[in-house]
Amino acid sequence: MSLDPALAASIRLVVSDIDGTLVRNDKSLSERTLQAVARARAAGIAFTLVSARPPSGLGELVERLGIEGAVGAFNGGTLFEPGGRIVEAHRLSEADARRAVELLDEAGLPIWVFADGLWIARDDSTQHGAMERRASRVEPTIASDFSLWLGRADKIMGVCDDHALVRRLEASVGAALGPSANVVRSQPYFLDVTTAAANKGAGVEALARAAGIPLEATAAIGDMANDVPMFAPVGLSVAMGQAPEEVRAQARHVTASNEEDGVAQLLDQLVVARS
């Protein structure tokens, strides 16, 4: 899919998802991508992040990429500046958090709760736990009862390798919680439950405001269903090459896969368009 030269030349801010987008499948950040971000910055294109990860999982990337403006964690529910100062934070109501746990328990999914800067799990043997350690940069806090944290939960997550079940739960849990919650898959095996304001559409709007750049001069890039809300508000929406068809269909442009450094390829195209 070709990229319109005039549109590419107008982009002054790129907001990128992390997992499945910026980093490779092993969570590594390639040297090619680091260099592309630096070239984009030199060409006048700002770069920032919005992710389902907690803030602890963004700090190292923010430092390595040289990001100076606000970034978004928890699907945009928490915006913070490099150094850790919270710009804004939106959390689940206790009722929604408790109901989400009940529904995921009924479905038999292992559950993770993120609150107070902690990753709370009932045991240490959950699927994808090793990768979550690498992504979030914290060790799980083991607790059989989540009640202590449900009044302050940033995110409730269900974990399951039955991708069809996760897809069905996205619809059923979303319907049960209603408009006060945002229920979306951040990976085929992760179901994220956040408050309604914690969605990447609102997140990209807030990041553009914080950067002082119009949405029409902003590009958003991602690979999963939780990234799709970013696509409508911005001038240029970009899906990764390996993204599901329903995600690619809603983007204006498709780049290469995360394993092929698709973000770097996009940034280099934007730089060329501005030259």
C-alpha atoms as a PDB file:
ATOM      1  CA  MET A   1       0.000   0.000   0.000  1.00  0.00           C
ATOM      2  CA  SER A   2       1.600   3.253  -1.104  1.00  0.00           C
ATOM      3  CA  LEU A   3       1.879   6.239   1.198  1.00  0.00           C
ATOM      4  CA  ASP A   4       0.506   9.550  -0.109  1.00  0.00           C
ATOM      5  CA  PRO A   5       3.538  11.873  -0.411  1.00  0.00           C
ATOM      6  CA  ALA A   6       1.689  15.043   0.566  1.00  0.00           C
ATOM      7  CA  LEU A   7       0.181  13.397   3.641  1.00  0.00           C
ATOM      8  CA  ALA A   8       3.526  11.894   4.614  1.00  0.00           C
ATOM      9  CA  ALA A   9       5.200  15.297   4.341  1.00  0.00           C
ATOM     10  CA  SER A  10       2.620  16.837   6.702  1.00  0.00           C
ATOM     11  CA  ILE A  11       3.288  14.495   9.642  1.00  0.00           C
ATOM     12  CA  ARG A  12       5.015  16.105  12.638  1.00  0.00           C
ATOM     13  CA  LEU A  13       4.222  13.569  15.378  1.00  0.00           C
ATOM     14  CA  VAL A  14       4.225   9.755  15.369  1.00  0.00           C
ATOM     15  CA  VAL A  15       2.519   7.895  18.229  1.00  0.00           C
ATOM     16  CA  SER A  16       3.513   4.239  18.354  1.00  0.00           C
ATOM     17  CA  ASP A  17       2.256   1.168  20.155  1.00  0.00           C
ATOM     18  CA  ILE A  18       5.043  -0.981  21.628  1.00  0.00           C
ATOM     19  CA  ASP A  19       4.383  -4.726  21.687  1.00  0.00           C
ATOM     20  CA  GLY A  20       3.888  -6.138  18.216  1.00  0.00           C
ATOM     21  CA  THR A  21       4.750  -2.723  16.768  1.00  0.00           C
ATOM     22  CA  LEU A  22       7.859  -0.921  17.997  1.00  0.00           C
ATOM     23  CA  VAL A  23       9.633  -3.984  19.383  1.00  0.00           C
ATOM     24  CA  ARG A  24      10.215  -7.404  17.910  1.00  0.00           C
ATOM     25  CA  ASN A  25       8.533 -10.530  19.230  1.00  0.00           C
ATOM     26  CA  ASP A  26      11.322 -11.088  21.779  1.00  0.00           C
ATOM     27  CA  LYS A  27      10.654  -7.533  23.087  1.00  0.00           C
ATOM     28  CA  SER A  28      13.948  -6.230  21.689  1.00  0.00           C
ATOM     29  CA  LEU A  29      14.298  -2.764  20.186  1.00  0.00           C
ATOM     30  CA  SER A  30      16.380  -2.922  17.033  1.00  0.00           C
ATOM     31  CA  GLU A  31      19.264  -0.602  16.283  1.00  0.00           C
ATOM     32  CA  ARG A  32      17.579   0.175  12.966  1.00  0.00           C
ATOM     33  CA  THR A  33      14.506   1.491  14.790  1.00  0.00           C
ATOM     34  CA  LEU A  34      16.593   3.539  17.232  1.00  0.00           C
ATOM     35  CA  GLN A  35      18.398   5.183  14.333  1.00  0.00           C
ATOM     36  CA  ALA A  36      15.152   5.825  12.443  1.00  0.00           C
ATOM     37  CA  VAL A  37      13.645   7.602  15.477  1.00  0.00           C
ATOM     38  CA  ALA A  38      16.763   9.762  15.703  1.00  0.00           C
ATOM     39  CA  ARG A  39      16.586  10.619  11.982  1.00  0.00           C
ATOM     40  CA  ALA A  40      12.912  11.505  12.332  1.00  0.00           C
ATOM     41  CA  ARG A  41      13.626  13.797  15.270  1.00  0.00           C
ATOM     42  CA  ALA A  42      16.354  15.537  13.309  1.00  0.00           C
ATOM     43  CA  ALA A  43      13.853  16.052  10.475  1.00  0.00           C
ATOM     44  CA  GLY A  44      11.341  17.698  12.833  1.00  0.00           C
ATOM     45  CA  ILE A  45       9.122  14.670  13.488  1.00  0.00           C
ATOM     46  CA  ALA A  46       8.400  14.036  17.178  1.00  0.00           C
ATOM     47  CA  PHE A  47       7.983  10.457  18.389  1.00  0.00           C
ATOM     48  CA  THR A  48       6.193   9.074  21.444  1.00  0.00           C
ATOM     49  CA  LEU A  49       4.555   5.924  22.796  1.00  0.00           C
ATOM     50  CA  VAL A  50       1.171   4.692  23.938  1.00  0.00           C
ATOM     51  CA  SER A  51       0.908   1.137  25.239  1.00  0.00           C
ATOM     52  CA  ALA A  52      -1.097  -1.347  27.243  1.00  0.00           C
ATOM     53  CA  ARG A  53       2.019  -1.728  29.387  1.00  0.00           C
ATOM     54  CA  PRO A  54       2.247  -0.177  32.864  1.00  0.00           C
ATOM     55  CA  PRO A  55       4.496   2.870  33.267  1.00  0.00           C
ATOM     56  CA  SER A  56       7.308   0.668  34.596  1.00  0.00           C
ATOM     57  CA  GLY A  57       7.433  -1.053  31.203  1.00  0.00           C
ATOM     58  CA  LEU A  58       7.993   2.183  29.281  1.00  0.00           C
ATOM     59  CA  GLY A  59      10.802   3.884  31.182  1.00  0.00           C
ATOM     60  CA  GLU A  60      13.770   2.158  29.558  1.00  0.00           C
ATOM     61  CA  LEU A  61      12.322   2.627  26.071  1.00  0.00           C
ATOM     62  CA  VAL A  62      11.636   6.310  26.732  1.00  0.00           C
ATOM     63  CA  GLU A  63      15.265   6.775  27.765  1.00  0.00           C
ATOM     64  CA  ARG A  64      16.763   4.803  24.863  1.00  0.00           C
ATOM     65  CA  LEU A  65      14.591   6.585  22.304  1.00  0.00           C
ATOM     66  CA  GLY A  66      15.305  10.015  23.748  1.00  0.00           C
ATOM     67  CA  ILE A  67      11.613  10.851  24.142  1.00  0.00           C
ATOM     68  CA  GLU A  68      11.116  14.217  25.839  1.00  0.00           C
ATOM     69  CA  GLY A  69       7.325  14.622  25.837  1.00  0.00           C
ATOM     70  CA  ALA A  70       4.496  12.743  27.514  1.00  0.00           C
ATOM     71  CA  VAL A  71       3.910   9.029  26.916  1.00  0.00           C
ATOM     72  CA  GLY A  72       0.838   6.874  27.547  1.00  0.00           C
ATOM     73  CA  ALA A  73       0.544   3.675  29.618  1.00  0.00           C
ATOM     74  CA  PHE A  74      -2.457   1.397  30.313  1.00  0.00           C
ATOM     75  CA  ASN A  75      -3.894   1.972  26.823  1.00  0.00           C
ATOM     76  CA  GLY A  76      -3.638   5.713  27.355  1.00  0.00           C
ATOM     77  CA  GLY A  77      -5.224   5.692  30.808  1.00  0.00           C
ATOM     78  CA  THR A  78      -2.064   7.067  32.424  1.00  0.00           C
ATOM     79  CA  LEU A  79      -0.032   9.830  30.799  1.00  0.00           C
ATOM     80  CA  PHE A  80       3.352  10.595  32.307  1.00  0.00           C
ATOM     81  CA  GLU A  81       6.479  12.545  31.485  1.00  0.00           C
ATOM     82  CA  PRO A  82      10.032  11.182  31.315  1.00  0.00           C
ATOM     83  CA  GLY A  83      11.188  11.046  34.901  1.00  0.00           C
ATOM     84  CA  GLY A  84       7.834   9.665  36.038  1.00  0.00           C
ATOM     85  CA  ARG A  85       5.638  12.704  36.741  1.00  0.00           C
ATOM     86  CA  ILE A  86       2.011  11.695  36.165  1.00  0.00           C
ATOM     87  CA  VAL A  87       0.168  14.098  33.873  1.00  0.00           C
ATOM     88  CA  GLU A  88      -3.198  12.373  34.230  1.00  0.00           C
ATOM     89  CA  ALA A  89      -4.493   8.982  35.356  1.00  0.00           C
ATOM     90  CA  HIS A  90      -7.862   7.292  34.833  1.00  0.00           C
ATOM     91  CA  ARG A  91      -8.695   4.165  36.836  1.00  0.00           C
ATOM     92  CA  LEU A  92     -11.498   1.623  36.924  1.00  0.00           C
ATOM     93  CA  SER A  93     -14.349   2.107  39.350  1.00  0.00           C
ATOM     94  CA  GLU A  94     -14.236  -0.466  42.135  1.00  0.00           C
ATOM     95  CA  ALA A  95     -17.556  -1.909  40.942  1.00  0.00           C
ATOM     96  CA  ASP A  96     -16.255  -2.424  37.397  1.00  0.00           C
ATOM     97  CA  ALA A  97     -12.977  -3.886  38.629  1.00  0.00           C
ATOM     98  CA  ARG A  98     -14.781  -6.336  40.902  1.00  0.00           C
ATOM     99  CA  ARG A  99     -17.235  -7.346  38.169  1.00  0.00           C
ATOM    100  CA  ALA A 100     -14.418  -7.844  35.660  1.00  0.00           C
ATOM    101  CA  VAL A 101     -12.637 -10.199  38.061  1.00  0.00           C
ATOM    102  CA  GLU A 102     -15.875 -12.130  38.621  1.00  0.00           C
ATOM    103  CA  LEU A 103     -16.506 -12.519  34.880  1.00  0.00           C
ATOM    104  CA  LEU A 104     -12.961 -13.597  34.088  1.00  0.00           C
ATOM    105  CA  ASP A 105     -13.054 -16.051  37.006  1.00  0.00           C
ATOM    106  CA  GLU A 106     -16.292 -17.518  35.670  1.00  0.00           C
ATOM    107  CA  ALA A 107     -14.588 -18.010  32.292  1.00  0.00           C
ATOM    108  CA  GLY A 108     -11.647 -19.749  33.963  1.00  0.00           C
ATOM    109  CA  LEU A 109      -8.964 -17.231  32.924  1.00  0.00           C
ATOM    110  CA  PRO A 110      -5.930 -16.432  35.023  1.00  0.00           C
ATOM    111  CA  ILE A 111      -6.185 -12.796  36.102  1.00  0.00           C
ATOM    112  CA  TRP A 112      -3.637 -10.050  36.602  1.00  0.00           C
ATOM    113  CA  VAL A 113      -4.422  -6.785  38.375  1.00  0.00           C
ATOM    114  CA  PHE A 114      -2.318  -3.653  37.916  1.00  0.00           C
ATOM    115  CA  ALA A 115      -2.605  -1.099  40.729  1.00  0.00           C
ATOM    116  CA  ASP A 116      -0.347   1.068  42.889  1.00  0.00           C
ATOM    117  CA  GLY A 117       2.555   0.402  40.518  1.00  0.00           C
ATOM    118  CA  LEU A 118       2.215  -3.339  41.157  1.00  0.00           C
ATOM    119  CA  TRP A 119       1.448  -6.351  38.980  1.00  0.00           C
ATOM    120  CA  ILE A 120      -0.677  -8.625  41.176  1.00  0.00           C
ATOM    121  CA  ALA A 121      -1.286 -12.287  40.321  1.00  0.00           C
ATOM    122  CA  ARG A 122      -2.663 -15.262  42.221  1.00  0.00           C
ATOM    123  CA  ASP A 123       0.334 -17.435  41.412  1.00  0.00           C
ATOM    124  CA  ASP A 124       3.640 -17.312  39.621  1.00  0.00           C
ATOM    125  CA  SER A 125       2.957 -19.887  36.911  1.00  0.00           C
ATOM    126  CA  THR A 126       0.606 -18.045  34.569  1.00  0.00           C
ATOM    127  CA  GLN A 127       1.083 -18.297  30.817  1.00  0.00           C
ATOM    128  CA  HIS A 128       3.130 -15.433  29.369  1.00  0.00           C
ATOM    129  CA  GLY A 129       4.432 -14.483  32.817  1.00  0.00           C
ATOM    130  CA  ALA A 130       8.079 -14.534  31.729  1.00  0.00           C
ATOM    131  CA  MET A 131       7.359 -12.194  28.828  1.00  0.00           C
ATOM    132  CA  GLU A 132       5.332  -9.886  31.083  1.00  0.00           C
ATOM    133  CA  ARG A 133       8.309  -9.604  33.436  1.00  0.00           C
ATOM    134  CA  ARG A 134      10.404  -8.429  30.521  1.00  0.00           C
ATOM    135  CA  ALA A 135       7.735  -6.026  29.262  1.00  0.00           C
ATOM    136  CA  SER A 136       6.625  -4.508  32.578  1.00  0.00           C
ATOM    137  CA  ARG A 137      10.008  -4.581  34.337  1.00  0.00           C
ATOM    138  CA  VAL A 138       8.446  -5.689  37.624  1.00  0.00           C
ATOM    139  CA  GLU A 139       8.030  -8.982  39.462  1.00  0.00           C
ATOM    140  CA  PRO A 140       4.489 -10.143  40.248  1.00  0.00           C
ATOM    141  CA  THR A 141       3.068  -9.606  43.708  1.00  0.00           C
ATOM    142  CA  ILE A 142       1.384 -12.892  44.653  1.00  0.00           C
ATOM    143  CA  ALA A 143      -1.989 -12.590  46.415  1.00  0.00           C
ATOM    144  CA  SER A 144      -4.964 -14.935  46.508  1.00  0.00           C
ATOM    145  CA  ASP A 145      -7.412 -12.060  47.036  1.00  0.00           C
ATOM    146  CA  PHE A 146      -7.414  -8.963  44.828  1.00  0.00           C
ATOM    147  CA  SER A 147      -9.831  -7.008  47.034  1.00  0.00           C
ATOM    148  CA  LEU A 148      -7.181  -4.712  48.513  1.00  0.00           C
ATOM    149  CA  TRP A 149      -6.432  -3.228  45.066  1.00  0.00           C
ATOM    150  CA  LEU A 150      -9.788  -3.190  43.272  1.00  0.00           C
ATOM    151  CA  GLY A 151     -10.596   0.360  44.346  1.00  0.00           C
ATOM    152  CA  ARG A 152      -7.417   1.621  42.681  1.00  0.00           C
ATOM    153  CA  ALA A 153      -7.001  -0.675  39.666  1.00  0.00           C
ATOM    154  CA  ASP A 154      -5.481   0.790  36.517  1.00  0.00           C
ATOM    155  CA  LYS A 155      -6.105  -2.398  34.567  1.00  0.00           C
ATOM    156  CA  ILE A 156      -7.550  -5.888  34.955  1.00  0.00           C
ATOM    157  CA  MET A 157      -6.139  -8.431  32.525  1.00  0.00           C
ATOM    158  CA  GLY A 158      -7.317 -11.908  31.564  1.00  0.00           C
ATOM    159  CA  VAL A 159      -4.668 -14.238  30.136  1.00  0.00           C
ATOM    160  CA  CYS A 160      -5.538 -17.154  27.866  1.00  0.00           C
ATOM    161  CA  ASP A 161      -4.036 -18.929  24.855  1.00  0.00           C
ATOM    162  CA  ASP A 162      -7.502 -19.847  23.569  1.00  0.00           C
ATOM    163  CA  HIS A 163      -7.660 -16.867  21.208  1.00  0.00           C
ATOM    164  CA  ALA A 164     -11.246 -17.548  20.172  1.00  0.00           C
ATOM    165  CA  LEU A 165     -12.337 -17.498  23.810  1.00  0.00           C
ATOM    166  CA  VAL A 166     -10.512 -14.197  24.387  1.00  0.00           C
ATOM    167  CA  ARG A 167     -12.290 -12.738  21.377  1.00  0.00           C
ATOM    168  CA  ARG A 168     -15.701 -13.882  22.692  1.00  0.00           C
ATOM    169  CA  LEU A 169     -14.948 -12.492  26.139  1.00  0.00           C
ATOM    170  CA  GLU A 170     -13.995  -9.154  24.609  1.00  0.00           C
ATOM    171  CA  ALA A 171     -17.604  -8.885  23.445  1.00  0.00           C
ATOM    172  CA  SER A 172     -19.368 -10.437  26.454  1.00  0.00           C
ATOM    173  CA  VAL A 173     -17.377  -8.717  29.199  1.00  0.00           C
ATOM    174  CA  GLY A 174     -17.622  -5.434  27.313  1.00  0.00           C
ATOM    175  CA  ALA A 175     -21.389  -5.795  27.099  1.00  0.00           C
ATOM    176  CA  ALA A 176     -21.665  -6.710  30.785  1.00  0.00           C
ATOM    177  CA  LEU A 177     -19.629  -3.725  31.990  1.00  0.00           C
ATOM    178  CA  GLY A 178     -21.157  -1.262  29.545  1.00  0.00           C
ATOM    179  CA  PRO A 179     -19.962   2.225  28.624  1.00  0.00           C
ATOM    180  CA  SER A 180     -18.019   2.876  31.830  1.00  0.00           C
ATOM    181  CA  ALA A 181     -15.291   0.391  30.841  1.00  0.00           C
ATOM    182  CA  ASN A 182     -13.014  -0.266  27.888  1.00  0.00           C
ATOM    183  CA  VAL A 183     -12.629  -3.996  27.160  1.00  0.00           C
ATOM    184  CA  VAL A 184     -10.234  -4.865  24.354  1.00  0.00           C
ATOM    185  CA  ARG A 185      -7.550  -7.362  23.281  1.00  0.00           C
ATOM    186  CA  SER A 186      -4.026  -5.962  23.516  1.00  0.00           C
ATOM    187  CA  GLN A 187      -2.648  -9.289  22.260  1.00  0.00           C
ATOM    188  CA  PRO A 188      -4.525 -12.354  20.975  1.00  0.00           C
ATOM    189  CA  TYR A 189      -4.003 -13.894  24.441  1.00  0.00           C
ATOM    190  CA  PHE A 190      -4.526 -10.754  26.594  1.00  0.00           C
ATOM    191  CA  LEU A 191      -7.894  -9.190  27.423  1.00  0.00           C
ATOM    192  CA  ASP A 192      -7.499  -5.728  28.954  1.00  0.00           C
ATOM    193  CA  VAL A 193     -10.180  -4.084  31.079  1.00  0.00           C
ATOM    194  CA  THR A 194      -9.665  -0.395  31.821  1.00  0.00           C
ATOM    195  CA  THR A 195     -11.933   2.537  32.503  1.00  0.00           C
ATOM    196  CA  ALA A 196     -13.650   4.019  29.443  1.00  0.00           C
ATOM    197  CA  ALA A 197     -11.312   7.024  29.364  1.00  0.00           C
ATOM    198  CA  ALA A 198      -8.332   4.650  29.179  1.00  0.00           C
ATOM    199  CA  ASN A 199      -8.460   4.011  25.453  1.00  0.00           C
ATOM    200  CA  LYS A 200      -5.871   4.760  22.824  1.00  0.00           C
ATOM    201  CA  GLY A 201      -8.152   7.108  20.915  1.00  0.00           C
ATOM    202  CA  ALA A 202      -8.326   9.471  23.883  1.00  0.00           C
ATOM    203  CA  GLY A 203      -4.666   8.759  24.562  1.00  0.00           C
ATOM    204  CA  VAL A 204      -3.448   9.845  21.131  1.00  0.00           C
ATOM    205  CA  GLU A 205      -5.558  13.004  21.349  1.00  0.00           C
ATOM    206  CA  ALA A 206      -4.022  13.857  24.728  1.00  0.00           C
ATOM    207  CA  LEU A 207      -0.493  13.158  23.489  1.00  0.00           C
ATOM    208  CA  ALA A 208      -0.995  15.382  20.442  1.00  0.00           C
ATOM    209  CA  ARG A 209      -2.334  18.170  22.691  1.00  0.00           C
ATOM    210  CA  ALA A 210       0.640  17.788  25.032  1.00  0.00           C
ATOM    211  CA  ALA A 211       3.017  18.025  22.067  1.00  0.00           C
ATOM    212  CA  GLY A 212       1.179  21.027  20.625  1.00  0.00           C
ATOM    213  CA  ILE A 213       0.719  19.269  17.286  1.00  0.00           C
ATOM    214  CA  PRO A 214      -2.628  19.058  15.447  1.00  0.00           C
ATOM    215  CA  LEU A 215      -4.189  15.621  15.054  1.00  0.00           C
ATOM    216  CA  GLU A 216      -4.195  16.008  11.287  1.00  0.00           C
ATOM    217  CA  ALA A 217      -0.377  16.238  11.472  1.00  0.00           C
ATOM    218  CA  THR A 218      -0.179  13.149  13.681  1.00  0.00           C
ATOM    219  CA  ALA A 219       0.377   9.514  12.690  1.00  0.00           C
ATOM    220  CA  ALA A 220      -0.594   6.545  14.859  1.00  0.00           C
ATOM    221  CA  ILE A 221       0.773   3.048  14.365  1.00  0.00           C
ATOM    222  CA  GLY A 222      -0.291  -0.255  15.935  1.00  0.00           C
ATOM    223  CA  ASP A 223      -1.124  -3.903  15.429  1.00  0.00           C
ATOM    224  CA  MET A 224      -4.052  -4.966  17.619  1.00  0.00           C
ATOM    225  CA  ALA A 225      -7.687  -4.195  18.356  1.00  0.00           C
ATOM    226  CA  ASN A 226      -6.760  -1.890  21.230  1.00  0.00           C
ATOM    227  CA  ASP A 227      -4.827   0.256  18.730  1.00  0.00           C
ATOM    228  CA  VAL A 228      -7.756   0.825  16.370  1.00  0.00           C
ATOM    229  CA  PRO A 229      -9.260   3.724  18.404  1.00  0.00           C
ATOM    230  CA  MET A 230      -6.092   5.686  17.554  1.00  0.00           C
ATOM    231  CA  PHE A 231      -6.810   5.461  13.845  1.00  0.00           C
ATOM    232  CA  ALA A 232      -9.895   7.667  13.524  1.00  0.00           C
ATOM    233  CA  PRO A 233      -8.646  10.936  15.086  1.00  0.00           C
ATOM    234  CA  VAL A 234      -5.281  11.179  13.300  1.00  0.00           C
ATOM    235  CA  GLY A 235      -4.208  12.278   9.853  1.00  0.00           C
ATOM    236  CA  LEU A 236      -2.313   9.059   9.136  1.00  0.00           C
ATOM    237  CA  SER A 237      -3.278   5.666  10.581  1.00  0.00           C
ATOM    238  CA  VAL A 238      -0.809   2.812  10.083  1.00  0.00           C
ATOM    239  CA  ALA A 239      -1.170  -0.903  10.789  1.00  0.00           C
ATOM    240  CA  MET A 240       1.695  -3.352  11.091  1.00  0.00           C
ATOM    241  CA  GLY A 241       2.100  -5.926   8.350  1.00  0.00           C
ATOM    242  CA  GLN A 242       1.371  -8.858  10.641  1.00  0.00           C
ATOM    243  CA  ALA A 243      -1.706  -7.222  12.217  1.00  0.00           C
ATOM    244  CA  PRO A 244      -5.027  -9.092  11.949  1.00  0.00           C
ATOM    245  CA  GLU A 245      -6.997  -8.330   8.803  1.00  0.00           C
ATOM    246  CA  GLU A 246      -9.686  -6.470  10.753  1.00  0.00           C
ATOM    247  CA  VAL A 247      -7.002  -4.083  12.074  1.00  0.00           C
ATOM    248  CA  ARG A 248      -5.257  -3.602   8.720  1.00  0.00           C
ATOM    249  CA  ALA A 249      -8.614  -2.900   7.073  1.00  0.00           C
ATOM    250  CA  GLN A 250      -9.169   0.108   9.339  1.00  0.00           C
ATOM    251  CA  ALA A 251      -5.793   1.732   8.704  1.00  0.00           C
ATOM    252  CA  ARG A 252      -4.968   4.151   5.921  1.00  0.00           C
ATOM    253  CA  HIS A 253      -1.536   2.578   5.395  1.00  0.00           C
ATOM    254  CA  VAL A 254       0.101  -0.788   6.157  1.00  0.00           C
ATOM    255  CA  THR A 255       3.825  -1.013   6.853  1.00  0.00           C
ATOM    256  CA  ALA A 256       6.057  -4.065   7.265  1.00  0.00           C
ATOM    257  CA  SER A 257       5.820  -6.384  10.273  1.00  0.00           C
ATOM    258  CA  ASN A 258       7.437  -5.726  13.644  1.00  0.00           C
ATOM    259  CA  GLU A 259      10.003  -8.442  12.888  1.00  0.00           C
ATOM    260  CA  GLU A 260      10.916  -6.468   9.749  1.00  0.00           C
ATOM    261  CA  ASP A 261      11.185  -3.141  11.631  1.00  0.00           C
ATOM    262  CA  GLY A 262       8.001  -1.723  10.138  1.00  0.00           C
ATOM    263  CA  VAL A 263       8.119   1.352  12.389  1.00  0.00           C
ATOM    264  CA  ALA A 264      11.606   2.195  11.120  1.00  0.00           C
ATOM    265  CA  GLN A 265      10.442   1.777   7.533  1.00  0.00           C
ATOM    266  CA  LEU A 266       7.517   4.148   8.126  1.00  0.00           C
ATOM    267  CA  LEU A 267       9.682   6.774   9.819  1.00  0.00           C
ATOM    268  CA  ASP A 268      12.188   6.711   6.983  1.00  0.00           C
ATOM    269  CA  GLN A 269       9.362   7.211   4.476  1.00  0.00           C
ATOM    270  CA  LEU A 270       8.154  10.229   6.460  1.00  0.00           C
ATOM    271  CA  VAL A 271      11.667  11.694   6.576  1.00  0.00           C
ATOM    272  CA  VAL A 272      12.113  11.289   2.813  1.00  0.00           C
ATOM    273  CA  ALA A 273       8.737  12.954   2.213  1.00  0.00           C
ATOM    274  CA  ARG A 274       9.852  16.014   4.197  1.00  0.00           C
ATOM    275  CA  SER A 275      13.168  16.369   2.405  1.00  0.00           C
END
